Amino acid sequence: MTNTFLQTALLRAQAKRKGKKNGFTLVELLIVVVIIGILSGVALPNFLAQRKKASVASWNAQAAALVSACEIAATNDVADISADADVTRLIAASDDEVVTTGITATACVVTIPDTADEVATAGSYTMFDVKDAAIAAS
C-alpha cells in the first residue's frame, strides 16, 4: 500500500508528538481567569447602566403612547377620555412606574416620578401641551 504525501506527513507529526503531553499549564489557566475577571469587572457596571436606561426609555414610550391615545380620543370628540377603549387598554398595560392618575374625562396628564432608582429627573406628559421625558440615572 502506498502512502500519499499527506499521509506521510501526518504519520511523521504523530511520531514527533508521542513523547509530548497535551494540555494547558497552570500559568496559562490563571492568565485566562484574570483576563475574564478584568473583562467582567469592566462590563458589568456598563450593563447595569444600560438596563436603567432601557427601563426609563420604556416608561417614556408608555407615557407618550398613553397621552397620544388621550389626544386622539379628545379630537374624536369622545365624551369621557378615561373611558376610551385605547386609553383604558394602555392604562392596564402600563408599568407601576408610569403614574396615570391625571387622566380624567377631559384631561390627560401622565407622570414618571423620580422615586424609582432608575430615574434621575421626573418626566411629565400633558395632553396638547409640554411633554418632558424622564431622564435615567447614571
N, C-alpha and C. Protein backbone atom coordinates (compact mmCIF):
# COMPACT_ATOMS: atom_id res chain seq x y z
N MET A 1 0.84 -1.17 0.00
CA MET A 1 0.00 0.00 0.00
C MET A 1 0.89 1.24 0.00
N THR A 2 0.65 2.13 -0.90
CA THR A 2 1.47 3.32 -0.99
C THR A 2 0.81 4.46 -0.24
N ASN A 3 1.63 5.23 0.47
CA ASN A 3 1.13 6.39 1.21
C ASN A 3 1.30 7.64 0.37
N THR A 4 0.32 8.47 0.45
CA THR A 4 0.43 9.74 -0.24
C THR A 4 1.28 10.69 0.60
N PHE A 5 1.60 11.81 0.03
CA PHE A 5 2.42 12.80 0.73
C PHE A 5 1.76 13.26 2.03
N LEU A 6 0.45 13.48 2.01
CA LEU A 6 -0.28 13.94 3.19
C LEU A 6 -0.28 12.89 4.29
N GLN A 7 -0.49 11.64 3.91
CA GLN A 7 -0.48 10.56 4.91
C GLN A 7 0.90 10.44 5.55
N THR A 8 1.93 10.58 4.77
CA THR A 8 3.30 10.51 5.29
C THR A 8 3.56 11.65 6.26
N ALA A 9 3.12 12.83 5.93
CA ALA A 9 3.33 13.99 6.81
C ALA A 9 2.58 13.81 8.13
N LEU A 10 1.36 13.27 8.07
CA LEU A 10 0.59 13.03 9.28
C LEU A 10 1.26 11.98 10.17
N LEU A 11 1.79 10.93 9.57
CA LEU A 11 2.47 9.90 10.35
C LEU A 11 3.71 10.46 11.03
N ARG A 12 4.47 11.32 10.34
CA ARG A 12 5.65 11.95 10.95
C ARG A 12 5.26 12.86 12.11
N ALA A 13 4.17 13.63 11.94
CA ALA A 13 3.73 14.54 13.00
C ALA A 13 3.28 13.76 14.23
N GLN A 14 2.61 12.63 14.02
CA GLN A 14 2.17 11.81 15.14
C GLN A 14 3.36 11.19 15.85
N ALA A 15 4.38 10.81 15.12
CA ALA A 15 5.57 10.22 15.73
C ALA A 15 6.31 11.25 16.58
N LYS A 16 6.33 12.51 16.17
CA LYS A 16 7.01 13.57 16.93
C LYS A 16 6.28 13.87 18.24
N ARG A 17 4.95 13.75 18.23
CA ARG A 17 4.15 14.14 19.39
C ARG A 17 4.00 13.04 20.42
N LYS A 18 4.49 11.88 20.17
CA LYS A 18 4.26 10.76 21.09
C LYS A 18 4.80 11.04 22.48
N GLY A 19 5.91 11.70 22.61
CA GLY A 19 6.51 11.95 23.92
C GLY A 19 5.98 13.20 24.61
N LYS A 20 5.23 14.04 23.93
CA LYS A 20 4.75 15.30 24.50
C LYS A 20 3.40 15.11 25.16
N LYS A 21 3.18 15.87 26.26
CA LYS A 21 1.89 15.86 26.93
C LYS A 21 1.05 17.02 26.40
N ASN A 22 -0.24 16.79 26.23
CA ASN A 22 -1.14 17.83 25.75
C ASN A 22 -1.85 18.46 26.94
N GLY A 23 -2.21 19.73 26.81
CA GLY A 23 -2.96 20.42 27.87
C GLY A 23 -2.38 21.79 28.13
N PHE A 24 -3.01 22.48 29.09
CA PHE A 24 -2.59 23.83 29.45
C PHE A 24 -1.84 23.81 30.76
N THR A 25 -0.91 24.73 30.90
CA THR A 25 -0.20 24.85 32.17
C THR A 25 -1.03 25.66 33.15
N LEU A 26 -0.66 25.59 34.42
CA LEU A 26 -1.38 26.34 35.45
C LEU A 26 -1.27 27.84 35.21
N VAL A 27 -0.13 28.31 34.75
CA VAL A 27 0.06 29.74 34.49
C VAL A 27 -0.86 30.20 33.37
N GLU A 28 -0.99 29.42 32.32
CA GLU A 28 -1.89 29.79 31.23
C GLU A 28 -3.34 29.87 31.70
N LEU A 29 -3.76 28.92 32.53
CA LEU A 29 -5.12 28.94 33.05
C LEU A 29 -5.35 30.14 33.97
N LEU A 30 -4.37 30.48 34.79
CA LEU A 30 -4.50 31.65 35.68
C LEU A 30 -4.60 32.94 34.88
N ILE A 31 -3.83 33.05 33.82
CA ILE A 31 -3.89 34.25 32.98
C ILE A 31 -5.28 34.39 32.37
N VAL A 32 -5.86 33.30 31.90
CA VAL A 32 -7.20 33.35 31.33
C VAL A 32 -8.23 33.77 32.38
N VAL A 33 -8.12 33.24 33.59
CA VAL A 33 -9.05 33.60 34.66
C VAL A 33 -8.92 35.08 35.01
N VAL A 34 -7.71 35.59 35.07
CA VAL A 34 -7.50 37.02 35.38
C VAL A 34 -8.09 37.89 34.28
N ILE A 35 -7.90 37.53 33.04
CA ILE A 35 -8.44 38.31 31.92
C ILE A 35 -9.96 38.31 31.97
N ILE A 36 -10.57 37.17 32.23
CA ILE A 36 -12.04 37.11 32.33
C ILE A 36 -12.53 37.96 33.50
N GLY A 37 -11.82 37.95 34.62
CA GLY A 37 -12.19 38.78 35.76
C GLY A 37 -12.12 40.27 35.45
N ILE A 38 -11.10 40.69 34.76
CA ILE A 38 -10.97 42.10 34.38
C ILE A 38 -12.08 42.51 33.41
N LEU A 39 -12.35 41.67 32.43
CA LEU A 39 -13.42 41.99 31.47
C LEU A 39 -14.78 42.07 32.15
N SER A 40 -15.07 41.17 33.05
CA SER A 40 -16.37 41.22 33.73
C SER A 40 -16.45 42.41 34.67
N GLY A 41 -15.35 42.81 35.28
CA GLY A 41 -15.35 44.00 36.14
C GLY A 41 -15.61 45.28 35.38
N VAL A 42 -15.21 45.32 34.14
CA VAL A 42 -15.45 46.50 33.30
C VAL A 42 -16.84 46.45 32.68
N ALA A 43 -17.29 45.28 32.26
CA ALA A 43 -18.54 45.17 31.51
C ALA A 43 -19.78 45.21 32.40
N LEU A 44 -19.71 44.70 33.61
CA LEU A 44 -20.90 44.61 34.45
C LEU A 44 -21.50 45.97 34.81
N PRO A 45 -20.72 46.96 35.23
CA PRO A 45 -21.32 48.27 35.52
C PRO A 45 -21.96 48.91 34.28
N ASN A 46 -21.35 48.74 33.13
CA ASN A 46 -21.93 49.28 31.90
C ASN A 46 -23.24 48.59 31.57
N PHE A 47 -23.30 47.30 31.79
CA PHE A 47 -24.53 46.55 31.52
C PHE A 47 -25.65 47.02 32.44
N LEU A 48 -25.36 47.22 33.71
CA LEU A 48 -26.39 47.66 34.66
C LEU A 48 -26.89 49.06 34.32
N ALA A 49 -26.00 49.94 33.88
CA ALA A 49 -26.42 51.29 33.48
C ALA A 49 -27.32 51.24 32.25
N GLN A 50 -27.03 50.35 31.33
CA GLN A 50 -27.87 50.23 30.13
C GLN A 50 -29.25 49.69 30.49
N ARG A 51 -29.34 48.82 31.50
CA ARG A 51 -30.64 48.32 31.95
C ARG A 51 -31.49 49.46 32.49
N LYS A 52 -30.86 50.37 33.26
CA LYS A 52 -31.61 51.51 33.79
C LYS A 52 -32.13 52.39 32.65
N LYS A 53 -31.27 52.66 31.69
CA LYS A 53 -31.68 53.50 30.56
C LYS A 53 -32.81 52.85 29.77
N ALA A 54 -32.75 51.54 29.62
CA ALA A 54 -33.80 50.83 28.88
C ALA A 54 -35.13 50.89 29.62
N SER A 55 -35.10 50.76 30.94
CA SER A 55 -36.34 50.85 31.73
C SER A 55 -36.97 52.22 31.60
N VAL A 56 -36.17 53.25 31.73
CA VAL A 56 -36.70 54.62 31.64
C VAL A 56 -37.21 54.90 30.22
N ALA A 57 -36.51 54.42 29.22
CA ALA A 57 -36.98 54.61 27.84
C ALA A 57 -38.32 53.90 27.62
N SER A 58 -38.48 52.74 28.21
CA SER A 58 -39.75 52.02 28.11
C SER A 58 -40.88 52.80 28.77
N TRP A 59 -40.61 53.37 29.95
CA TRP A 59 -41.63 54.15 30.65
C TRP A 59 -41.99 55.41 29.86
N ASN A 60 -40.98 56.06 29.27
CA ASN A 60 -41.25 57.24 28.43
C ASN A 60 -42.12 56.87 27.23
N ALA A 61 -41.85 55.73 26.62
CA ALA A 61 -42.64 55.30 25.47
C ALA A 61 -44.08 54.99 25.88
N GLN A 62 -44.24 54.37 27.04
CA GLN A 62 -45.59 54.07 27.53
C GLN A 62 -46.37 55.35 27.80
N ALA A 63 -45.72 56.32 28.45
CA ALA A 63 -46.39 57.58 28.75
C ALA A 63 -46.75 58.33 27.48
N ALA A 64 -45.83 58.35 26.51
CA ALA A 64 -46.10 59.05 25.24
C ALA A 64 -47.26 58.38 24.49
N ALA A 65 -47.30 57.06 24.49
CA ALA A 65 -48.39 56.36 23.81
C ALA A 65 -49.72 56.64 24.49
N LEU A 66 -49.72 56.69 25.80
CA LEU A 66 -50.96 56.94 26.54
C LEU A 66 -51.48 58.34 26.29
N VAL A 67 -50.59 59.32 26.29
CA VAL A 67 -51.02 60.70 26.03
C VAL A 67 -51.47 60.85 24.58
N SER A 68 -50.82 60.16 23.66
CA SER A 68 -51.27 60.20 22.26
C SER A 68 -52.67 59.61 22.12
N ALA A 69 -52.94 58.52 22.83
CA ALA A 69 -54.28 57.94 22.80
C ALA A 69 -55.30 58.91 23.38
N CYS A 70 -54.93 59.64 24.43
CA CYS A 70 -55.83 60.64 25.01
C CYS A 70 -56.11 61.77 24.00
N GLU A 71 -55.07 62.21 23.31
CA GLU A 71 -55.23 63.27 22.32
C GLU A 71 -56.13 62.82 21.17
N ILE A 72 -55.96 61.59 20.73
CA ILE A 72 -56.81 61.06 19.66
C ILE A 72 -58.26 60.98 20.13
N ALA A 73 -58.45 60.51 21.36
CA ALA A 73 -59.81 60.42 21.89
C ALA A 73 -60.44 61.81 22.00
N ALA A 74 -59.66 62.81 22.40
CA ALA A 74 -60.19 64.17 22.53
C ALA A 74 -60.54 64.75 21.18
N THR A 75 -59.72 64.49 20.16
CA THR A 75 -60.01 65.03 18.83
C THR A 75 -61.17 64.29 18.16
N ASN A 76 -61.47 63.08 18.62
CA ASN A 76 -62.62 62.33 18.10
C ASN A 76 -63.89 62.63 18.87
N ASP A 77 -63.83 63.65 19.71
CA ASP A 77 -64.99 64.09 20.50
C ASP A 77 -65.57 62.98 21.37
N VAL A 78 -64.70 62.22 22.00
CA VAL A 78 -65.15 61.22 22.96
C VAL A 78 -65.60 61.94 24.22
N ALA A 79 -66.75 61.59 24.75
CA ALA A 79 -67.30 62.28 25.91
C ALA A 79 -66.41 62.12 27.15
N ASP A 80 -65.88 60.91 27.38
CA ASP A 80 -65.06 60.64 28.55
C ASP A 80 -63.76 59.99 28.08
N ILE A 81 -62.66 60.75 28.14
CA ILE A 81 -61.36 60.26 27.66
C ILE A 81 -60.93 59.03 28.45
N SER A 82 -61.16 59.04 29.75
CA SER A 82 -60.71 57.94 30.59
C SER A 82 -61.46 56.64 30.30
N ALA A 83 -62.59 56.72 29.63
CA ALA A 83 -63.37 55.52 29.29
C ALA A 83 -63.09 55.02 27.87
N ASP A 84 -62.25 55.72 27.11
CA ASP A 84 -61.93 55.30 25.76
C ASP A 84 -61.23 53.94 25.79
N ALA A 85 -61.53 53.10 24.82
CA ALA A 85 -61.01 51.73 24.81
C ALA A 85 -59.48 51.70 24.74
N ASP A 86 -58.89 52.52 23.86
CA ASP A 86 -57.43 52.53 23.74
C ASP A 86 -56.77 53.06 25.01
N VAL A 87 -57.35 54.08 25.59
CA VAL A 87 -56.78 54.67 26.81
C VAL A 87 -56.83 53.65 27.95
N THR A 88 -57.95 52.99 28.13
CA THR A 88 -58.06 52.01 29.22
C THR A 88 -57.13 50.81 28.99
N ARG A 89 -56.96 50.41 27.74
CA ARG A 89 -56.04 49.31 27.42
C ARG A 89 -54.60 49.69 27.76
N LEU A 90 -54.20 50.92 27.41
CA LEU A 90 -52.84 51.36 27.70
C LEU A 90 -52.61 51.58 29.19
N ILE A 91 -53.63 52.02 29.90
CA ILE A 91 -53.51 52.16 31.35
C ILE A 91 -53.29 50.79 31.99
N ALA A 92 -54.03 49.81 31.55
CA ALA A 92 -53.90 48.47 32.10
C ALA A 92 -52.54 47.85 31.78
N ALA A 93 -51.98 48.20 30.63
CA ALA A 93 -50.71 47.62 30.21
C ALA A 93 -49.49 48.36 30.74
N SER A 94 -49.68 49.54 31.33
CA SER A 94 -48.53 50.34 31.76
C SER A 94 -47.92 49.79 33.04
N ASP A 95 -46.62 50.05 33.20
CA ASP A 95 -45.89 49.62 34.40
C ASP A 95 -46.31 50.45 35.60
N ASP A 96 -45.92 49.99 36.78
CA ASP A 96 -46.25 50.70 38.01
C ASP A 96 -45.53 52.05 38.10
N GLU A 97 -44.41 52.19 37.40
CA GLU A 97 -43.64 53.43 37.48
C GLU A 97 -44.29 54.56 36.67
N VAL A 98 -45.17 54.23 35.75
CA VAL A 98 -45.87 55.24 34.96
C VAL A 98 -47.17 55.57 35.68
N VAL A 99 -47.23 56.78 36.24
CA VAL A 99 -48.39 57.18 37.04
C VAL A 99 -49.45 57.79 36.13
N THR A 100 -50.64 57.22 36.14
CA THR A 100 -51.70 57.64 35.23
C THR A 100 -52.87 58.26 35.99
N THR A 101 -52.65 58.78 37.18
CA THR A 101 -53.77 59.31 37.97
C THR A 101 -54.29 60.63 37.43
N GLY A 102 -53.60 61.25 36.51
CA GLY A 102 -54.05 62.54 35.97
C GLY A 102 -54.97 62.41 34.78
N ILE A 103 -55.56 61.25 34.55
CA ILE A 103 -56.45 61.06 33.41
C ILE A 103 -57.89 61.19 33.90
N THR A 104 -58.57 62.20 33.38
CA THR A 104 -59.97 62.45 33.74
C THR A 104 -60.81 62.42 32.47
N ALA A 105 -62.04 62.85 32.58
CA ALA A 105 -62.94 62.85 31.43
C ALA A 105 -62.49 63.85 30.37
N THR A 106 -61.79 64.93 30.77
CA THR A 106 -61.43 65.97 29.80
C THR A 106 -59.94 66.28 29.75
N ALA A 107 -59.14 65.68 30.60
CA ALA A 107 -57.72 65.99 30.65
C ALA A 107 -56.89 64.71 30.78
N CYS A 108 -55.63 64.82 30.43
CA CYS A 108 -54.74 63.65 30.48
C CYS A 108 -53.33 64.13 30.83
N VAL A 109 -52.87 63.74 32.02
CA VAL A 109 -51.50 64.03 32.45
C VAL A 109 -50.90 62.72 32.95
N VAL A 110 -49.77 62.34 32.39
CA VAL A 110 -49.08 61.11 32.79
C VAL A 110 -47.71 61.50 33.29
N THR A 111 -47.32 60.98 34.44
CA THR A 111 -46.02 61.33 35.01
C THR A 111 -45.19 60.08 35.28
N ILE A 112 -43.89 60.27 35.25
CA ILE A 112 -42.92 59.26 35.65
C ILE A 112 -42.13 59.87 36.79
N PRO A 113 -42.42 59.52 38.05
CA PRO A 113 -41.77 60.17 39.19
C PRO A 113 -40.32 59.72 39.33
N ASP A 114 -39.55 60.51 40.04
CA ASP A 114 -38.15 60.16 40.27
C ASP A 114 -37.97 59.34 41.54
N THR A 115 -39.01 58.65 41.96
CA THR A 115 -38.91 57.80 43.14
C THR A 115 -38.21 56.49 42.84
N ALA A 116 -38.21 56.06 41.61
CA ALA A 116 -37.53 54.82 41.23
C ALA A 116 -36.02 55.05 41.19
N ASP A 117 -35.25 54.00 41.45
CA ASP A 117 -33.79 54.11 41.43
C ASP A 117 -33.26 54.44 40.04
N GLU A 118 -34.00 54.07 39.03
CA GLU A 118 -33.54 54.27 37.66
C GLU A 118 -33.73 55.70 37.15
N VAL A 119 -34.61 56.48 37.78
CA VAL A 119 -34.98 57.80 37.27
C VAL A 119 -34.22 58.89 38.02
N ALA A 120 -33.50 59.73 37.28
CA ALA A 120 -32.80 60.86 37.88
C ALA A 120 -33.67 62.12 37.84
N THR A 121 -34.35 62.35 36.74
CA THR A 121 -35.23 63.50 36.58
C THR A 121 -36.61 63.00 36.16
N ALA A 122 -37.64 63.45 36.89
CA ALA A 122 -39.01 63.00 36.61
C ALA A 122 -39.46 63.49 35.24
N GLY A 123 -40.41 62.76 34.67
CA GLY A 123 -40.97 63.13 33.38
C GLY A 123 -42.45 63.40 33.50
N SER A 124 -42.94 64.27 32.62
CA SER A 124 -44.35 64.62 32.64
C SER A 124 -44.84 64.80 31.21
N TYR A 125 -45.95 64.16 30.91
CA TYR A 125 -46.57 64.24 29.59
C TYR A 125 -47.98 64.79 29.77
N THR A 126 -48.26 65.93 29.14
CA THR A 126 -49.56 66.56 29.26
C THR A 126 -50.23 66.60 27.89
N MET A 127 -51.53 66.31 27.87
CA MET A 127 -52.27 66.29 26.62
C MET A 127 -52.28 67.68 25.98
N PHE A 128 -51.93 67.77 24.70
CA PHE A 128 -51.87 69.01 23.92
C PHE A 128 -50.98 70.06 24.57
N ASP A 129 -49.94 69.63 25.27
CA ASP A 129 -49.05 70.59 25.94
C ASP A 129 -47.65 70.00 26.00
N VAL A 130 -46.89 70.37 27.00
CA VAL A 130 -45.50 70.00 27.13
C VAL A 130 -45.36 68.52 27.43
N LYS A 131 -44.36 67.93 26.79
CA LYS A 131 -44.04 66.53 27.04
C LYS A 131 -42.56 66.45 27.39
N ASP A 132 -42.27 66.31 28.68
CA ASP A 132 -40.91 66.21 29.17
C ASP A 132 -40.59 64.76 29.53
N ALA A 133 -39.62 64.21 28.87
CA ALA A 133 -39.26 62.80 29.12
C ALA A 133 -38.47 62.68 30.42
N ALA A 134 -38.63 61.56 31.08
CA ALA A 134 -37.83 61.26 32.27
C ALA A 134 -36.40 60.93 31.83
N ILE A 135 -35.45 61.25 32.69
CA ILE A 135 -34.05 61.01 32.37
C ILE A 135 -33.52 59.93 33.32
N ALA A 136 -32.78 58.99 32.75
CA ALA A 136 -32.26 57.87 33.53
C ALA A 136 -31.12 58.31 34.43
N ALA A 137 -31.01 57.64 35.57
CA ALA A 137 -29.91 57.89 36.50
C ALA A 137 -28.63 57.31 35.93
N SER A 138 -27.53 57.88 36.30
CA SER A 138 -26.23 57.41 35.79
C SER A 138 -25.80 56.15 36.49
